[in-house]
Each structure stands twice: as C-alpha cells, then as structure tokens.
N, C-alpha and C. Protein backbone atom coordinates (compact mmCIF):
# COMPACT_ATOMS: atom_id res chain seq x y z
N MET A 1 0.86 -1.10 0.13
CA MET A 1 -0.05 -0.04 -0.44
C MET A 1 0.46 1.38 -0.42
N THR A 2 0.63 2.12 -0.34
CA THR A 2 0.67 3.29 -0.30
C THR A 2 -0.37 4.79 0.35
N SER A 3 1.35 5.24 0.35
CA SER A 3 0.28 6.96 1.01
C SER A 3 -0.76 8.18 -0.30
N LEU A 4 -1.86 8.09 -0.02
CA LEU A 4 -1.93 8.88 -0.87
C LEU A 4 -2.75 10.57 -0.31
N ILE A 5 -1.72 11.82 -1.69
CA ILE A 5 -1.55 13.28 -1.77
C ILE A 5 -2.54 13.51 -1.85
N ALA A 6 -2.54 14.50 -2.00
CA ALA A 6 -4.45 15.75 -2.52
C ALA A 6 -4.20 16.54 -2.47
N CYS A 7 -4.56 17.80 -3.70
CA CYS A 7 -5.01 18.75 -3.48
C CYS A 7 -6.40 18.74 -3.27
N LEU A 8 -6.53 19.26 -2.08
CA LEU A 8 -8.32 20.07 -1.80
C LEU A 8 -8.75 20.99 -1.82
N SER A 9 -9.31 21.84 -2.97
CA SER A 9 -9.07 23.02 -3.42
C SER A 9 -10.32 23.24 -4.02
N THR A 10 -9.98 24.50 -5.44
CA THR A 10 -11.06 24.72 -6.55
C THR A 10 -11.44 23.59 -7.61
N GLY A 11 -12.46 23.75 -8.23
CA GLY A 11 -13.05 22.85 -9.52
C GLY A 11 -14.47 22.15 -8.98
N LYS A 12 -15.15 23.15 -10.18
CA LYS A 12 -16.29 22.03 -10.23
C LYS A 12 -16.26 20.41 -9.26
N GLY A 13 -16.98 19.83 -8.52
CA GLY A 13 -17.04 17.90 -8.66
C GLY A 13 -15.55 17.69 -8.23
N THR A 14 -14.74 18.66 -7.77
CA THR A 14 -13.55 17.95 -8.80
C THR A 14 -13.26 17.25 -6.73
N TRP A 15 -13.91 17.85 -5.75
CA TRP A 15 -14.44 16.94 -4.05
C TRP A 15 -15.16 15.15 -4.66
N ALA A 16 -16.04 15.83 -4.60
CA ALA A 16 -16.46 13.94 -4.80
C ALA A 16 -15.92 13.25 -5.66
N GLN A 17 -14.54 14.10 -7.20
CA GLN A 17 -14.19 12.36 -7.08
C GLN A 17 -12.62 12.16 -5.87
N LEU A 18 -12.38 14.08 -5.39
CA LEU A 18 -10.93 13.01 -4.75
C LEU A 18 -12.20 12.07 -3.41
N ASN A 19 -13.47 12.03 -3.32
CA ASN A 19 -13.74 11.32 -2.17
C ASN A 19 -14.18 9.71 -3.00
N GLU A 20 -13.63 9.78 -4.57
CA GLU A 20 -14.47 7.60 -4.28
C GLU A 20 -12.70 7.56 -4.64
N ILE A 21 -12.09 8.37 -5.21
CA ILE A 21 -10.50 7.87 -5.13
C ILE A 21 -9.72 7.71 -2.94
N ILE A 22 -9.87 8.42 -2.40
CA ILE A 22 -10.27 8.23 -1.01
C ILE A 22 -10.58 6.86 -1.23
N ASN A 23 -12.08 6.84 -1.18
CA ASN A 23 -12.61 5.64 -0.85
C ASN A 23 -12.50 4.28 -1.76
N GLY A 24 -11.45 4.63 -2.78
CA GLY A 24 -12.16 3.26 -3.67
C GLY A 24 -10.69 2.65 -3.88
N ALA A 25 -9.72 2.94 -2.73
CA ALA A 25 -8.45 2.09 -2.63
C ALA A 25 -8.28 2.21 -1.25
N GLU A 26 -7.10 1.19 -0.93
CA GLU A 26 -6.62 1.91 0.24
C GLU A 26 -5.68 1.95 0.88
N TRP A 27 -5.07 2.91 1.63
CA TRP A 27 -4.04 3.63 2.32
C TRP A 27 -3.82 4.46 2.99
N ASP A 28 -2.49 3.77 3.02
CA ASP A 28 -1.70 4.22 4.19
C ASP A 28 -1.66 5.40 5.55
N SER A 29 -1.72 5.50 4.62
CA SER A 29 -2.05 6.84 4.85
C SER A 29 -2.71 8.36 4.32
N ILE A 30 -3.68 9.63 4.29
CA ILE A 30 -4.45 10.79 3.04
C ILE A 30 -3.63 11.82 4.07
N PHE A 31 -2.83 12.67 2.81
CA PHE A 31 -3.32 13.76 3.40
C PHE A 31 -2.73 14.95 2.43
N LEU A 32 -4.48 15.41 3.10
CA LEU A 32 -4.51 16.44 1.95
C LEU A 32 -4.25 18.34 2.21
N ILE A 33 -3.30 18.52 0.96
CA ILE A 33 -3.68 19.80 0.98
C ILE A 33 -4.45 21.01 0.88
N THR A 34 -5.05 21.41 1.99
CA THR A 34 -5.95 22.28 2.00
C THR A 34 -6.14 23.82 2.09
N ASN A 35 -7.23 24.72 2.32
CA ASN A 35 -6.94 25.48 3.09
C ASN A 35 -8.32 25.89 4.11
N GLU A 36 -8.45 27.76 4.35
CA GLU A 36 -9.13 27.29 5.20
C GLU A 36 -10.35 26.59 5.05
N PHE A 37 -11.67 26.54 3.97
CA PHE A 37 -12.43 27.10 3.62
C PHE A 37 -12.06 24.85 3.31
N GLY A 38 -11.97 24.31 3.30
CA GLY A 38 -11.07 22.41 2.84
C GLY A 38 -11.57 22.56 4.19
N LYS A 39 -10.92 23.53 5.15
CA LYS A 39 -10.31 22.24 5.72
C LYS A 39 -12.39 22.33 7.07
N GLU A 40 -12.59 23.55 7.09
CA GLU A 40 -14.09 23.38 7.51
C GLU A 40 -15.04 22.44 6.94
N LYS A 41 -15.06 22.59 6.32
CA LYS A 41 -16.34 22.05 4.29
C LYS A 41 -15.96 21.02 4.38
N PHE A 42 -14.68 19.55 4.98
CA PHE A 42 -14.78 18.40 3.21
C PHE A 42 -14.74 17.72 4.48
N GLN A 43 -15.90 17.12 4.07
CA GLN A 43 -15.92 15.98 5.20
C GLN A 43 -15.32 14.57 5.26
N GLY A 44 -14.37 13.56 5.25
CA GLY A 44 -13.56 12.68 3.98
C GLY A 44 -13.06 11.31 5.42
N LYS A 45 -12.39 10.37 5.33
CA LYS A 45 -12.65 9.41 6.35
C LYS A 45 -10.72 9.78 6.63
N ASN A 46 -10.52 9.99 7.74
CA ASN A 46 -8.75 9.06 8.62
C ASN A 46 -8.39 10.44 7.16
N ALA A 47 -8.12 11.38 6.83
CA ALA A 47 -7.70 11.84 5.95
C ALA A 47 -7.08 13.17 6.82
N GLU A 48 -5.80 13.35 6.79
CA GLU A 48 -4.96 14.50 7.93
C GLU A 48 -4.86 15.33 6.97
N LEU A 49 -5.57 17.07 7.69
CA LEU A 49 -5.74 18.46 5.84
C LEU A 49 -4.06 19.02 6.76
N ILE A 50 -4.13 19.27 5.84
CA ILE A 50 -2.49 20.05 5.74
C ILE A 50 -3.10 21.40 5.67
N CYS A 51 -3.40 22.29 6.60
CA CYS A 51 -4.64 24.38 6.05
C CYS A 51 -3.02 25.11 5.83
N LEU A 52 -2.83 26.06 4.29
CA LEU A 52 -1.87 26.19 4.49
C LEU A 52 -3.36 27.67 3.28
N ASP A 53 -2.18 28.57 3.28
CA ASP A 53 -2.22 29.95 2.30
C ASP A 53 -2.64 29.04 1.54
N LEU A 54 -3.60 29.06 0.52
CA LEU A 54 -3.24 28.59 -1.30
C LEU A 54 -2.65 29.87 -1.80
N ASN A 55 -3.22 31.32 -1.62
CA ASN A 55 -2.54 32.29 -2.42
C ASN A 55 -0.77 32.56 -2.32
N LYS A 56 -0.29 32.01 -1.69
CA LYS A 56 1.08 32.02 -1.15
C LYS A 56 1.31 31.58 -2.78
N SER A 57 2.93 32.49 -2.73
CA SER A 57 4.12 31.67 -4.27
C SER A 57 4.05 30.49 -4.38
N PRO A 58 3.94 29.01 -5.40
CA PRO A 58 4.27 27.99 -5.00
C PRO A 58 6.08 27.88 -4.52
N ASN A 59 7.03 28.68 -4.49
CA ASN A 59 8.33 28.60 -3.94
C ASN A 59 8.13 28.13 -2.34
N ILE A 60 6.72 29.30 -1.91
CA ILE A 60 6.95 29.39 -0.52
C ILE A 60 6.13 28.38 0.36
N LEU A 61 4.75 28.21 -0.34
CA LEU A 61 3.87 26.56 -0.81
C LEU A 61 5.13 25.31 -0.81
N ARG A 62 5.65 25.04 -1.38
CA ARG A 62 6.76 24.01 -1.46
C ARG A 62 7.34 23.88 -0.23
N ASP A 63 7.93 25.17 0.07
CA ASP A 63 8.33 24.81 1.97
C ASP A 63 8.23 24.57 3.19
N GLU A 64 6.54 24.76 2.49
CA GLU A 64 5.43 24.57 3.64
C GLU A 64 5.42 22.98 4.24
N ILE A 65 4.39 22.76 2.79
CA ILE A 65 4.66 21.60 2.34
C ILE A 65 5.18 20.25 2.89
N VAL A 66 6.62 20.90 2.39
CA VAL A 66 7.65 19.76 2.80
C VAL A 66 8.55 19.86 4.58
N ALA A 67 8.06 20.98 4.73
CA ALA A 67 7.62 21.29 6.39
C ALA A 67 6.62 19.99 6.96
N ALA A 68 6.00 20.14 6.27
CA ALA A 68 4.69 19.18 7.11
C ALA A 68 4.50 17.66 6.72
N LEU A 69 5.36 17.43 5.72
CA LEU A 69 5.43 15.74 5.19
C LEU A 69 6.62 15.26 5.44
N HIS A 70 7.72 16.15 5.59
CA HIS A 70 9.23 15.61 5.51
C HIS A 70 9.25 14.53 7.63
N LYS A 71 7.91 14.65 8.52
CA LYS A 71 9.03 13.90 9.26
C LYS A 71 7.81 12.59 9.36
N LYS A 72 6.48 12.45 8.06
CA LYS A 72 6.01 11.83 7.83
C LYS A 72 6.21 10.55 7.79
N ASN A 73 6.01 8.64 7.54
CA ASN A 73 6.10 7.93 7.05
C ASN A 73 5.72 7.59 5.87
N LEU A 74 6.84 8.01 4.51
CA LEU A 74 5.15 7.59 3.25
C LEU A 74 7.19 7.26 2.00
N GLY A 75 7.15 6.35 2.76
CA GLY A 75 8.25 5.37 2.62
C GLY A 75 8.87 5.42 1.39
N THR A 76 8.50 5.41 -0.33
CA THR A 76 9.66 6.07 -1.01
C THR A 76 8.52 6.66 -2.14
N GLU A 77 7.08 6.11 -2.66
CA GLU A 77 6.65 6.30 -3.74
C GLU A 77 5.84 6.87 -2.79
N VAL A 78 4.59 8.08 -3.16
CA VAL A 78 3.10 8.35 -3.44
C VAL A 78 2.14 8.22 -3.85
N ALA A 79 1.04 8.32 -3.95
CA ALA A 79 -0.52 8.95 -5.42
C ALA A 79 -0.14 9.52 -4.65
N ILE A 80 -0.37 11.09 -6.04
CA ILE A 80 -1.34 11.74 -6.05
C ILE A 80 -1.96 12.24 -6.41
N ASN A 81 -3.14 12.78 -6.08
CA ASN A 81 -3.68 13.60 -7.36
C ASN A 81 -3.98 15.37 -7.12
N ILE A 82 -3.83 15.70 -8.08
CA ILE A 82 -4.00 17.23 -8.27
C ILE A 82 -5.39 17.22 -9.12
N SER A 83 -6.15 16.80 -8.86
CA SER A 83 -7.65 17.05 -9.67
C SER A 83 -8.04 18.36 -9.30
N SER A 84 -8.10 18.30 -8.18
CA SER A 84 -8.77 20.05 -7.21
C SER A 84 -7.44 20.46 -7.76
N GLY A 85 -7.49 22.21 -7.65
CA GLY A 85 -7.02 22.77 -7.44
C GLY A 85 -6.20 23.85 -8.35
N ALA A 86 -5.49 24.40 -8.36
CA ALA A 86 -5.04 25.80 -9.56
C ALA A 86 -3.91 25.08 -9.54
N GLY A 87 -3.32 25.26 -10.69
CA GLY A 87 -1.74 25.52 -11.31
C GLY A 87 -0.83 25.89 -9.72
N ASN A 88 -0.24 26.81 -9.30
CA ASN A 88 0.26 27.66 -8.22
C ASN A 88 0.57 26.02 -7.55
N GLU A 89 -1.21 24.91 -6.74
CA GLU A 89 -0.66 24.32 -5.97
C GLU A 89 -0.31 23.21 -5.94
N HIS A 90 -0.72 23.24 -8.32
CA HIS A 90 -0.38 22.06 -8.65
C HIS A 90 1.21 21.97 -8.54
N MET A 91 2.19 22.33 -8.67
CA MET A 91 3.43 23.00 -8.85
C MET A 91 4.19 23.13 -6.85
N ALA A 92 3.17 23.67 -6.77
CA ALA A 92 3.49 23.03 -5.25
C ALA A 92 4.59 21.71 -4.67
N LEU A 93 3.04 21.42 -5.24
CA LEU A 93 2.84 19.94 -4.64
C LEU A 93 3.98 19.21 -5.49
N VAL A 94 3.72 19.14 -6.00
CA VAL A 94 4.66 17.51 -7.03
C VAL A 94 6.70 18.67 -6.70
N SER A 95 6.75 20.07 -6.60
CA SER A 95 7.76 20.12 -6.07
C SER A 95 8.37 20.12 -5.49
N ALA A 96 7.57 19.66 -3.78
CA ALA A 96 7.84 19.50 -2.04
C ALA A 96 8.45 18.23 -2.45
N LEU A 97 6.95 17.32 -3.30
CA LEU A 97 7.46 16.00 -3.11
C LEU A 97 8.52 15.52 -3.75
N LEU A 98 9.18 16.32 -4.72
CA LEU A 98 10.65 15.42 -5.68
C LEU A 98 11.73 16.56 -5.12
N LYS A 99 11.54 16.97 -3.44
CA LYS A 99 12.02 17.76 -2.72
C LYS A 99 12.54 16.63 -1.72
N LEU A 100 12.15 16.40 -1.49
CA LEU A 100 10.99 14.81 -0.28
C LEU A 100 12.29 13.88 -0.62
N GLY A 101 12.74 13.75 -1.93
CA GLY A 101 13.19 12.43 -2.84
C GLY A 101 12.00 11.70 -2.75
N LEU A 102 11.42 11.90 -2.67
CA LEU A 102 9.61 11.01 -3.02
C LEU A 102 9.27 10.29 -3.89
N GLY A 103 8.93 9.09 -4.89
CA GLY A 103 8.65 8.45 -6.42
C GLY A 103 6.87 9.24 -6.33
N ILE A 104 6.09 9.85 -7.58
CA ILE A 104 5.37 9.67 -7.74
C ILE A 104 4.62 9.41 -8.52
N ARG A 105 3.43 8.74 -8.24
CA ARG A 105 2.01 7.86 -9.63
C ARG A 105 0.42 8.87 -9.29
N PHE A 106 0.82 9.37 -10.21
CA PHE A 106 -0.37 10.09 -10.59
C PHE A 106 -2.10 8.93 -10.13
N VAL A 107 -2.69 9.32 -9.69
CA VAL A 107 -3.71 8.20 -9.58
C VAL A 107 -5.01 9.43 -9.99
N PHE A 108 -5.92 9.05 -10.32
CA PHE A 108 -7.20 9.45 -10.83
C PHE A 108 -8.87 8.48 -10.37
N SER A 109 -10.19 9.36 -11.04
CA SER A 109 -10.82 8.53 -10.18
C SER A 109 -12.48 8.24 -11.56
N LYS A 110 -12.51 6.76 -12.61
CA LYS A 110 -12.30 6.88 -13.07
C LYS A 110 -13.78 5.10 -13.39
N ASN A 111 -15.26 6.34 -13.46
CA ASN A 111 -16.07 4.99 -12.77
C ASN A 111 -15.83 4.70 -11.47
N GLY A 112 -15.87 5.55 -11.54
CA GLY A 112 -16.11 4.63 -9.76
C GLY A 112 -14.49 4.31 -8.95
N LYS A 113 -13.43 3.48 -9.76
CA LYS A 113 -12.92 2.79 -9.41
C LYS A 113 -11.59 3.70 -9.83
N VAL A 114 -10.17 3.33 -8.74
CA VAL A 114 -8.96 3.82 -8.77
C VAL A 114 -7.78 3.32 -9.69
N GLU A 115 -7.60 4.69 -10.60
CA GLU A 115 -6.71 4.79 -11.27
C GLU A 115 -5.65 4.60 -11.60
N GLU A 116 -4.51 4.88 -11.71
CA GLU A 116 -3.21 5.10 -12.34
C GLU A 116 -2.97 5.57 -13.37
N LEU A 117 -2.56 6.84 -13.30
CA LEU A 117 -1.97 7.33 -14.61
C LEU A 117 -0.86 7.34 -15.42
N LYS A 118 -0.37 6.28 -15.71
CA LYS A 118 0.59 4.90 -16.68
C LYS A 118 1.86 6.32 -16.99
N LEU A 119 2.48 6.85 -16.89
CA LEU A 119 3.95 8.00 -17.28
C LEU A 119 4.21 6.91 -18.60
N PHE A 120 4.67 5.77 -18.87
CA PHE A 120 5.92 5.99 -19.25
C PHE A 120 4.76 3.77 -20.32
N ASN A 121 3.46 4.11 -20.08
CA ASN A 121 3.09 2.25 -20.89
C ASN A 121 2.94 2.31 -22.33
N PHE A 122 3.43 3.72 -22.76
CA PHE A 122 3.61 3.57 -24.67
C PHE A 122 5.03 3.04 -24.40
N PHE A 123 5.64 3.23 -23.56
CA PHE A 123 7.03 2.07 -23.79
C PHE A 123 6.96 0.47 -23.84
N PHE A 124 5.67 -0.16 -23.01
CA PHE A 124 5.74 -0.93 -22.93
C PHE A 124 4.59 -1.61 -23.79
N ASP A 125 3.59 -1.35 -24.41
CA ASP A 125 2.51 -1.30 -24.30
C ASP A 125 2.69 -2.45 -25.66
C-alpha cells in the first residue's frame, strides 16, 4: 500500500472525485493540501488536512508542504491527485514531493474506480 497526497481546493465536482479516490483504495495514510475553507467544509475519512494559505507563491507553498510532510512515514513513493486546485498549488505539491526524494504516481477516479495514470505505458504496451 501507499500514501495518498492530494490537493483539496477549487474546481466544480473535484471534491466528489477526490472522495471516490479516498474511498476507492486502501491507503496507508491520506494527506490533503487545503485552505481554511476546505478544512471547515470537507468531510472525508481518516485524512490529515494540511491547511495552508494557497494564495502564496509556489516556492513558499513548496517549503510549507515539505515542512508538513518531512517527518511523516511516506516510504519512497506516494500516489498523488491534483484534480482539485490551481496550477500554483500543483507546482508546489509536485516540487515538494520531489524535494523530499519521493517517487510519485498520479491517480484518478474513473467510473468509481481508482486508476493510475501510467507515464510510460507507450514504451511497454
């Protein structure tokens, strides 16, 4: 199993999709990068909410995400979802995970199932 790290921010219908991902697989742990609104309104199971000011620049957000995650037991690879939120948040999250030395797997929900976005399947199919 692996940990799930996702943005929980803006975008019509993205919270429902994120709930499908959370409930659609067994996760060691779940971390959601969000703001005060998300912290107050999101109702999900067993997720640790990392509440940040998402209007900050990507480099500051990256450092805050690194600080929040660096002592967590994440292993060497995490699943991430960036369906919710804006590019600023996405850049900060991916940059933070790479700065932590983690491998990343992109996951999404399709027909209620969690699927992985294969990055190199054209080489192997």
